[in-house]
Amino acid sequence: MWSKFKRTPVQTVMGHRLPEPRLTWQAGMWLVVCLGLPLLLLGTLIDLAIQLTTGICTGLWCFF
């Protein structure tokens, strides 16, 4: 089970060491766009539905 988490040996191509994979800024931005924005939109729609049905504002915009 833990064999998946072992580090792979350093790979070389013609004597040059390849850099290890890493999280880039572009990948982080796509993570925010693909996960963060839909969750924010869903939360906003739930807050709006609660406000329309009960008349009580539960959203962040209530503080402004």
C-alpha atoms as a PDB file:
ATOM      1  CA  MET A   1       0.000   0.000   0.000  1.00  0.00           C
ATOM      2  CA  TRP A   2       2.752   2.486   0.903  1.00  0.00           C
ATOM      3  CA  SER A   3       4.740   1.630  -2.202  1.00  0.00           C
ATOM      4  CA  LYS A   4       2.779   4.278  -4.125  1.00  0.00           C
ATOM      5  CA  PHE A   5       4.251   7.023  -1.963  1.00  0.00           C
ATOM      6  CA  LYS A   6       7.905   6.141  -2.452  1.00  0.00           C
ATOM      7  CA  ARG A   7      10.019   8.669  -4.269  1.00  0.00           C
ATOM      8  CA  THR A   8      11.077   7.631  -7.716  1.00  0.00           C
ATOM      9  CA  PRO A   9      14.778   7.490  -8.443  1.00  0.00           C
ATOM     10  CA  VAL A  10      16.328  10.486 -10.162  1.00  0.00           C
ATOM     11  CA  GLN A  11      15.809  10.231 -13.903  1.00  0.00           C
ATOM     12  CA  THR A  12      18.554  11.230 -16.272  1.00  0.00           C
ATOM     13  CA  VAL A  13      18.608  11.757 -20.020  1.00  0.00           C
ATOM     14  CA  MET A  14      21.995  11.654 -21.677  1.00  0.00           C
ATOM     15  CA  GLY A  15      23.644  12.489 -18.356  1.00  0.00           C
ATOM     16  CA  HIS A  16      21.355  15.432 -17.532  1.00  0.00           C
ATOM     17  CA  ARG A  17      19.185  15.201 -14.437  1.00  0.00           C
ATOM     18  CA  LEU A  18      15.475  15.838 -15.076  1.00  0.00           C
ATOM     19  CA  PRO A  19      13.706  18.163 -12.639  1.00  0.00           C
ATOM     20  CA  GLU A  20      11.072  16.588 -10.408  1.00  0.00           C
ATOM     21  CA  PRO A  21       7.410  17.360 -11.113  1.00  0.00           C
ATOM     22  CA  ARG A  22       6.056  20.217  -9.029  1.00  0.00           C
ATOM     23  CA  LEU A  23       2.938  22.305  -8.633  1.00  0.00           C
ATOM     24  CA  THR A  24       3.147  25.455 -10.760  1.00  0.00           C
ATOM     25  CA  TRP A  25       1.293  28.749 -10.440  1.00  0.00           C
ATOM     26  CA  GLN A  26      -0.737  27.891 -13.526  1.00  0.00           C
ATOM     27  CA  ALA A  27      -1.849  24.599 -11.983  1.00  0.00           C
ATOM     28  CA  GLY A  28      -2.771  26.439  -8.795  1.00  0.00           C
ATOM     29  CA  MET A  29      -4.854  28.941 -10.727  1.00  0.00           C
ATOM     30  CA  TRP A  30      -6.685  26.175 -12.591  1.00  0.00           C
ATOM     31  CA  LEU A  31      -7.356  24.506  -9.242  1.00  0.00           C
ATOM     32  CA  VAL A  32      -8.920  27.732  -7.971  1.00  0.00           C
ATOM     33  CA  VAL A  33     -10.959  28.197 -11.152  1.00  0.00           C
ATOM     34  CA  CYS A  34     -12.185  24.613 -11.416  1.00  0.00           C
ATOM     35  CA  LEU A  35     -12.841  23.980  -7.711  1.00  0.00           C
ATOM     36  CA  GLY A  36     -13.005  27.314  -5.912  1.00  0.00           C
ATOM     37  CA  LEU A  37     -15.334  29.261  -8.174  1.00  0.00           C
ATOM     38  CA  PRO A  38     -18.020  26.548  -8.456  1.00  0.00           C
ATOM     39  CA  LEU A  39     -18.024  26.134  -4.663  1.00  0.00           C
ATOM     40  CA  LEU A  40     -18.294  29.892  -4.206  1.00  0.00           C
ATOM     41  CA  LEU A  41     -21.172  30.039  -6.694  1.00  0.00           C
ATOM     42  CA  LEU A  42     -22.962  27.142  -5.003  1.00  0.00           C
ATOM     43  CA  GLY A  43     -22.619  28.774  -1.593  1.00  0.00           C
ATOM     44  CA  THR A  44     -23.923  32.063  -2.967  1.00  0.00           C
ATOM     45  CA  LEU A  45     -26.954  30.364  -4.506  1.00  0.00           C
ATOM     46  CA  ILE A  46     -27.713  28.560  -1.229  1.00  0.00           C
ATOM     47  CA  ASP A  47     -27.446  31.853   0.695  1.00  0.00           C
ATOM     48  CA  LEU A  48     -29.750  33.527  -1.828  1.00  0.00           C
ATOM     49  CA  ALA A  49     -32.304  30.710  -1.557  1.00  0.00           C
ATOM     50  CA  ILE A  50     -32.292  30.980   2.250  1.00  0.00           C
ATOM     51  CA  GLN A  51     -32.721  34.737   2.055  1.00  0.00           C
ATOM     52  CA  LEU A  52     -35.625  34.490  -0.392  1.00  0.00           C
ATOM     53  CA  THR A  53     -37.466  31.803   1.590  1.00  0.00           C
ATOM     54  CA  THR A  54     -36.911  33.008   5.179  1.00  0.00           C
ATOM     55  CA  GLY A  55     -36.142  36.705   4.769  1.00  0.00           C
ATOM     56  CA  ILE A  56     -32.975  36.292   6.873  1.00  0.00           C
ATOM     57  CA  CYS A  57     -29.751  37.278   5.164  1.00  0.00           C
ATOM     58  CA  THR A  58     -26.999  34.728   5.790  1.00  0.00           C
ATOM     59  CA  GLY A  59     -24.577  35.738   3.061  1.00  0.00           C
ATOM     60  CA  LEU A  60     -21.327  37.664   3.291  1.00  0.00           C
ATOM     61  CA  TRP A  61     -22.902  40.632   1.515  1.00  0.00           C
ATOM     62  CA  CYS A  62     -25.141  41.213   4.590  1.00  0.00           C
ATOM     63  CA  PHE A  63     -22.225  42.910   6.317  1.00  0.00           C
ATOM     64  CA  PHE A  64     -21.883  45.640   3.674  1.00  0.00           C
END
